[in-house]
Amino acid sequence: MLLFAHTGITLGMAWLVDNALARRSQSRIEDKIGREEASQGTQEKRGAYSQGNIHVLGQTIDYRLVLIGSMLPDIIDKPLGTFILQETISNGRVYAHTLLFTTMLLLLGLYLQRSGKIGMLVVALGSLVHLVLDSMWNAPSTLFWPILGWSFPRHDVSDWIPELIEGLGTNAWVYVPEIVGFLIIAGCAIHLLRSKGIIHFLTTGHFKLSGV
């Protein structure tokens, strides 16, 4: 997978989770203040309860961390395995493409979540999605490193770019996710432009609600 597939699809999945949490939060509102008052939008009750566990779509998950997590394995491994350790490893999918790396991120994220900090958990889940999109189960020696050995498969990095270009034109597993990811990124960009929320997104990681 390339840039648009990783970032776009992971962003879309995060939005779906965000939407599910928002719906769950809305259900809690209705349970607390009654369906009739909730539908009427009683400001006093909604305002009081908003200090609790109200979840507003686009306002809880830091989508900047989603983007970072979606590309983190490549951010680490591409320069490390392709350039820095080219003579010994020559592979752009090494340490950060392992379950060990993602598991460590998840454990750290779960620990920090206990104090209300979900940022690392968001990064960890983005990294996990990256492994799925890369079909890392097809490289078990990397995915389960170091259980199956301490070495990584070697590749001729000089063929990396030509293979990617060829895959974009001939391999549906490459170009279809790229198209889907691009459409999601384009949709987010259009929303940010229409809501005049680019600065808001860059500074908070949240999507600005239209008209707010």
Protein backbone atom coordinates (compact mmCIF):
# COMPACT_ATOMS: atom_id res chain seq x y z
CA MET A 1 0.00 0.00 0.00
CA LEU A 2 1.03 3.57 -0.68
CA LEU A 3 0.30 6.95 0.89
CA PHE A 4 -3.38 7.49 0.00
CA ALA A 5 -4.44 3.94 0.87
CA HIS A 6 -2.82 4.01 4.30
CA THR A 7 -3.84 7.52 5.30
CA GLY A 8 -7.26 7.64 3.65
CA ILE A 9 -8.57 4.22 4.64
CA THR A 10 -7.28 4.56 8.21
CA LEU A 11 -8.83 8.02 8.44
CA GLY A 12 -12.14 6.63 7.19
CA MET A 13 -12.06 3.79 9.71
CA ALA A 14 -11.31 6.25 12.52
CA TRP A 15 -14.28 8.37 11.41
CA LEU A 16 -16.55 5.31 11.55
CA VAL A 17 -15.37 4.57 15.09
CA ASP A 18 -15.85 8.24 15.99
CA ASN A 19 -19.37 8.13 14.56
CA ALA A 20 -20.20 4.99 16.54
CA LEU A 21 -19.00 6.65 19.74
CA ALA A 22 -21.06 9.75 18.96
CA ARG A 23 -24.17 7.65 18.47
CA ARG A 24 -23.51 5.82 21.71
CA SER A 25 -23.08 9.13 23.50
CA GLN A 26 -26.34 10.42 22.03
CA SER A 27 -28.08 7.31 23.30
CA ARG A 28 -26.77 8.05 26.78
CA ILE A 29 -28.14 11.59 26.52
CA GLU A 30 -31.58 10.26 25.70
CA ASP A 31 -31.43 7.85 28.62
CA LYS A 32 -30.50 10.64 30.99
CA ILE A 33 -32.88 13.44 30.06
CA GLY A 34 -35.67 11.53 28.35
CA ARG A 35 -36.35 11.01 24.68
CA GLU A 36 -38.90 13.81 24.49
CA GLU A 37 -36.66 16.44 26.06
CA ALA A 38 -33.66 15.26 24.03
CA SER A 39 -35.58 15.62 20.76
CA GLN A 40 -36.67 19.12 21.78
CA GLY A 41 -33.08 20.08 22.58
CA THR A 42 -33.60 21.38 26.12
CA GLN A 43 -30.58 23.64 26.47
CA GLU A 44 -30.30 23.56 30.25
CA LYS A 45 -30.28 19.79 30.52
CA ARG A 46 -28.05 19.30 27.51
CA GLY A 47 -25.65 21.94 28.78
CA ALA A 48 -25.43 20.30 32.18
CA TYR A 49 -24.92 16.83 30.80
CA SER A 50 -22.37 18.05 28.24
CA GLN A 51 -19.94 18.36 31.12
CA GLY A 52 -20.09 14.58 31.43
CA ASN A 53 -19.39 12.05 28.70
CA ILE A 54 -20.89 13.75 25.66
CA HIS A 55 -19.04 12.69 22.51
CA VAL A 56 -19.23 15.07 19.54
CA LEU A 57 -18.40 13.67 16.11
CA GLY A 58 -14.99 14.85 14.96
CA GLN A 59 -14.13 16.38 18.33
CA THR A 60 -12.67 13.49 20.36
CA ILE A 61 -10.18 11.58 18.21
CA ASP A 62 -7.06 13.52 17.25
CA TYR A 63 -7.02 12.85 13.53
CA ARG A 64 -3.48 14.14 13.24
CA LEU A 65 -2.42 11.13 15.31
CA VAL A 66 -4.54 8.90 13.09
CA LEU A 67 -2.52 10.08 10.09
CA ILE A 68 0.78 9.64 11.92
CA GLY A 69 -0.15 6.15 13.11
CA SER A 70 -1.30 5.14 9.64
CA MET A 71 2.18 5.83 8.24
CA LEU A 72 4.37 5.21 11.31
CA PRO A 73 5.72 1.79 10.23
CA ASP A 74 6.88 3.28 6.91
CA ILE A 75 8.16 6.47 8.56
CA ILE A 76 10.46 4.30 10.66
CA ASP A 77 11.29 1.37 8.39
CA LYS A 78 11.65 2.93 4.95
CA PRO A 79 14.66 5.14 5.83
CA LEU A 80 16.04 2.60 8.32
CA GLY A 81 15.91 -0.55 6.22
CA THR A 82 16.21 0.99 2.77
CA PHE A 83 18.96 3.56 3.33
CA ILE A 84 20.59 3.42 6.78
CA LEU A 85 20.85 -0.39 6.89
CA GLN A 86 20.80 -0.99 3.15
CA GLU A 87 23.94 -3.12 3.17
CA THR A 88 22.74 -5.42 5.96
CA ILE A 89 18.93 -5.47 5.68
CA SER A 90 17.86 -3.83 2.38
CA ASN A 91 14.17 -4.09 3.25
CA GLY A 92 11.64 -1.32 3.86
CA ARG A 93 9.48 -3.49 6.11
CA VAL A 94 11.38 -4.45 9.23
CA TYR A 95 11.07 -3.65 12.95
CA ALA A 96 8.05 -1.31 12.82
CA HIS A 97 6.16 -3.80 10.63
CA THR A 98 6.21 -6.46 13.35
CA LEU A 99 3.48 -7.44 15.77
CA LEU A 100 5.98 -6.89 18.55
CA PHE A 101 6.28 -3.19 17.72
CA THR A 102 2.52 -2.69 17.41
CA THR A 103 1.85 -4.67 20.59
CA MET A 104 4.25 -2.45 22.52
CA LEU A 105 2.43 0.63 21.22
CA LEU A 106 -0.93 -0.89 22.19
CA LEU A 107 0.21 -1.75 25.70
CA LEU A 108 1.61 1.74 26.18
CA GLY A 109 -1.61 3.20 24.78
CA LEU A 110 -3.78 1.13 27.13
CA TYR A 111 -1.64 2.18 30.08
CA LEU A 112 -1.91 5.88 29.21
CA GLN A 113 -5.63 5.54 28.54
CA ARG A 114 -6.14 4.87 32.25
CA SER A 115 -5.27 8.52 32.87
CA GLY A 116 -7.50 9.75 30.05
CA LYS A 117 -4.76 10.04 27.41
CA ILE A 118 -5.85 8.19 24.27
CA GLY A 119 -3.29 9.64 21.84
CA MET A 120 -0.87 6.70 21.92
CA LEU A 121 -3.75 4.25 21.57
CA VAL A 122 -4.87 6.07 18.43
CA VAL A 123 -1.32 5.85 17.02
CA ALA A 124 -1.12 2.15 17.90
CA LEU A 125 -4.41 1.32 16.20
CA GLY A 126 -3.32 3.28 13.13
CA SER A 127 -0.11 1.26 13.05
CA LEU A 128 -2.10 -1.97 13.33
CA VAL A 129 -4.27 -1.00 10.37
CA HIS A 130 -1.07 -0.31 8.43
CA LEU A 131 0.05 -3.92 8.93
CA VAL A 132 -3.33 -5.20 7.75
CA LEU A 133 -3.28 -3.05 4.61
CA ASP A 134 0.27 -4.24 3.90
CA SER A 135 -0.92 -7.88 4.17
CA MET A 136 1.93 -8.60 6.53
CA TRP A 137 0.64 -12.13 7.09
CA ASN A 138 2.29 -12.87 3.74
CA ALA A 139 5.67 -12.14 5.40
CA PRO A 140 5.43 -14.20 8.62
CA SER A 141 9.15 -13.94 9.36
CA THR A 142 8.70 -10.17 9.60
CA LEU A 143 5.25 -10.10 11.19
CA PHE A 144 6.18 -12.53 13.97
CA TRP A 145 9.77 -11.34 14.41
CA PRO A 146 11.79 -12.51 16.31
CA ILE A 147 9.84 -15.75 16.93
CA LEU A 148 10.73 -17.17 13.50
CA GLY A 149 14.30 -15.85 13.52
CA TRP A 150 16.28 -12.66 14.01
CA SER A 151 16.89 -11.85 10.36
CA PHE A 152 14.58 -10.13 7.88
CA PRO A 153 14.09 -11.07 4.20
CA ARG A 154 16.37 -9.10 1.91
CA HIS A 155 15.08 -7.26 -1.15
CA ASP A 156 16.71 -5.36 -3.97
CA VAL A 157 15.64 -1.84 -3.03
CA SER A 158 16.52 -0.60 -6.50
CA ASP A 159 13.41 -2.42 -7.79
CA TRP A 160 11.10 -0.88 -5.19
CA ILE A 161 9.92 2.20 -7.14
CA PRO A 162 9.47 0.36 -10.50
CA GLU A 163 7.46 -2.37 -8.74
CA LEU A 164 5.19 0.22 -7.12
CA ILE A 165 4.59 1.99 -10.42
CA GLU A 166 3.79 -1.30 -12.14
CA GLY A 167 1.48 -2.30 -9.30
CA LEU A 168 -0.47 0.96 -9.59
CA GLY A 169 -1.33 0.11 -13.16
CA THR A 170 -1.83 -3.65 -13.02
CA ASN A 171 -2.54 -4.82 -9.47
CA ALA A 172 -6.07 -4.17 -8.16
CA TRP A 173 -4.86 -4.76 -4.58
CA VAL A 174 -2.66 -1.68 -5.08
CA TYR A 175 -4.67 0.75 -7.18
CA VAL A 176 -8.17 0.13 -5.74
CA PRO A 177 -7.17 0.97 -2.13
CA GLU A 178 -5.24 3.97 -3.44
CA ILE A 179 -8.34 5.26 -5.22
CA VAL A 180 -10.53 4.66 -2.16
CA GLY A 181 -7.99 6.36 0.11
CA PHE A 182 -7.66 9.30 -2.26
CA LEU A 183 -11.44 9.81 -2.34
CA ILE A 184 -11.60 9.81 1.47
CA ILE A 185 -8.73 12.30 1.73
CA ALA A 186 -10.37 14.47 -0.93
CA GLY A 187 -13.67 14.38 0.96
CA CYS A 188 -11.94 15.45 4.18
CA ALA A 189 -10.12 18.23 2.36
CA ILE A 190 -13.38 19.52 0.85
CA HIS A 191 -15.00 19.49 4.29
CA LEU A 192 -12.11 21.42 5.80
CA LEU A 193 -12.32 24.01 3.05
CA ARG A 194 -16.07 24.41 3.28
CA SER A 195 -16.07 24.65 7.08
CA LYS A 196 -13.01 26.91 7.03
CA GLY A 197 -11.51 24.48 9.49
CA ILE A 198 -7.98 23.92 8.17
CA ILE A 199 -6.29 25.94 10.92
CA HIS A 200 -8.60 24.36 13.50
CA PHE A 201 -7.61 20.89 12.27
CA LEU A 202 -3.91 21.66 12.24
CA THR A 203 -3.97 23.06 15.78
CA THR A 204 -6.41 20.61 17.43
CA GLY A 205 -6.58 17.53 15.23
CA HIS A 206 -10.38 17.84 15.17
CA PHE A 207 -12.80 18.50 12.36
CA LYS A 208 -14.67 21.77 12.73
CA LEU A 209 -18.41 21.39 12.54
CA SER A 210 -19.89 23.19 9.53
CA GLY A 211 -21.26 26.58 10.42
CA VAL A 212 -19.52 26.70 13.81
